[in-house]
Structures are given as C-alpha cells and as structure tokens.
Amino acid sequence: MPDLSTNNFHPDDRDRVDEAMRRSEETGAPFGAEYRLIASDGRTVWFHDEAVVTARNEDGRPKVVQACCSTSPSASTSRRSSSGP
C-alpha cells in the first residue's frame, strides 16, 4: 500500500484503517474501508476506499497499487445524522 499518513484521519477511525492497510500490505488481500478525514477547514468528510496490490518489488513491498476512493455529500450527511455530531 502507499505510504499514506493517517494524520488527517478522524481519531476514531485511525487505528482501524491503519490496521486494514497493514493487513492488506502483508497478506495481499484487497483493502476496503469507510472512514472520516478531517479537512483543512475542520469539516469531517466520509470516504469509501478500495485498493489492491497489483505488483510487488523484489523485497515483497507493494510496487503498484490500484485504488478507488470516493465520497458523497449526501452519504456524509446521512452518516453524521445517524452517528451524532
């Protein structure tokens, strides 16, 4: 998986997403997660992310990752309403 910083992840999601990324990198299993990022203006934005390692280098580290990440304002509003502020 790419070396993604989890600094902008919502604190309640950070460990879970970090673990899912690590597990995907180690096992080759596809990565999939929904999580919140904190935007530079302080807003919380929901993302749905899926990725798969398609090639590795000589030492086994991911070399090529195919990924798709999306967000939806309506999904974000719905999740905020159902999970509280």
Protein backbone atom coordinates (compact mmCIF):
# COMPACT_ATOMS: atom_id res chain seq x y z
CA MET A 1 0.00 0.00 0.00
CA PRO A 2 1.18 3.56 -0.48
CA ASP A 3 2.79 5.22 2.50
CA LEU A 4 -0.27 7.24 3.49
CA SER A 5 -0.12 9.45 6.54
CA THR A 6 -3.02 8.90 8.90
CA ASN A 7 -2.60 12.37 10.47
CA ASN A 8 -5.84 13.66 8.90
CA PHE A 9 -7.91 10.59 9.76
CA HIS A 10 -10.64 11.02 12.34
CA PRO A 11 -9.20 9.77 15.66
CA ASP A 12 -11.95 7.14 15.98
CA ASP A 13 -11.04 5.66 12.56
CA ARG A 14 -7.24 5.98 12.53
CA ASP A 15 -6.24 2.67 14.20
CA ARG A 16 -8.84 0.63 12.30
CA VAL A 17 -7.81 1.98 8.89
CA ASP A 18 -4.10 1.73 9.70
CA GLU A 19 -4.57 -1.94 10.66
CA ALA A 20 -6.59 -2.67 7.49
CA MET A 21 -3.84 -1.09 5.34
CA ARG A 22 -1.15 -3.10 7.13
CA ARG A 23 -3.09 -6.35 6.80
CA SER A 24 -3.67 -5.75 3.08
CA GLU A 25 0.02 -4.98 2.51
CA GLU A 26 1.15 -8.10 4.39
CA THR A 27 -1.37 -10.61 3.03
CA GLY A 28 -2.17 -9.22 -0.41
CA ALA A 29 -5.88 -9.18 0.47
CA PRO A 30 -7.85 -6.32 -1.06
CA PHE A 31 -8.17 -3.22 1.13
CA GLY A 32 -11.61 -1.73 1.74
CA ALA A 33 -12.73 0.76 4.35
CA GLU A 34 -15.06 3.62 5.08
CA TYR A 35 -13.52 6.33 7.21
CA ARG A 36 -13.59 10.01 8.03
CA LEU A 37 -10.92 12.56 7.19
CA ILE A 38 -10.62 15.96 8.80
CA ALA A 39 -10.46 18.62 6.06
CA SER A 40 -8.14 21.62 6.38
CA ASP A 41 -11.16 23.78 7.30
CA GLY A 42 -12.11 21.38 10.13
CA ARG A 43 -15.01 19.63 8.36
CA THR A 44 -15.36 15.86 8.70
CA VAL A 45 -15.63 14.14 5.31
CA TRP A 46 -16.60 10.46 4.84
CA PHE A 47 -14.68 8.36 2.30
CA HIS A 48 -15.10 4.90 0.85
CA ASP A 49 -11.75 3.48 -0.23
CA GLU A 50 -10.83 0.24 -2.03
CA ALA A 51 -7.38 -0.85 -3.17
CA VAL A 52 -5.49 -3.92 -4.30
CA VAL A 53 -1.76 -4.55 -4.72
CA THR A 54 -1.21 -5.50 -8.37
CA ALA A 55 2.60 -5.84 -8.34
CA ARG A 56 5.38 -6.13 -5.76
CA ASN A 57 9.06 -5.28 -5.96
CA GLU A 58 11.93 -7.71 -5.28
CA ASP A 59 11.70 -7.40 -1.48
CA GLY A 60 7.94 -8.03 -1.49
CA ARG A 61 6.82 -4.45 -0.87
CA PRO A 62 3.89 -3.17 -2.93
CA LYS A 63 5.12 -1.61 -6.15
CA VAL A 64 1.82 -0.91 -7.91
CA VAL A 65 -1.49 -0.32 -6.14
CA GLN A 66 -4.78 0.09 -7.97
CA ALA A 67 -7.17 2.16 -5.87
CA CYS A 68 -10.52 3.92 -5.95
CA CYS A 69 -11.60 6.42 -3.33
CA SER A 70 -14.87 8.30 -3.30
CA THR A 71 -17.02 10.49 -1.12
CA SER A 72 -20.58 11.71 -1.31
CA PRO A 73 -22.03 14.79 0.38
CA SER A 74 -25.37 13.00 0.84
CA ALA A 75 -23.69 9.94 2.38
CA SER A 76 -21.69 12.18 4.70
CA THR A 77 -24.83 13.99 5.84
CA SER A 78 -26.67 10.70 6.36
CA ARG A 79 -23.85 9.20 8.43
CA ARG A 80 -23.48 12.34 10.57
CA SER A 81 -27.20 12.32 11.26
CA SER A 82 -27.23 8.66 12.32
CA SER A 83 -23.98 8.71 14.34
CA GLY A 84 -24.40 12.04 16.12
CA PRO A 85 -22.26 15.18 15.82
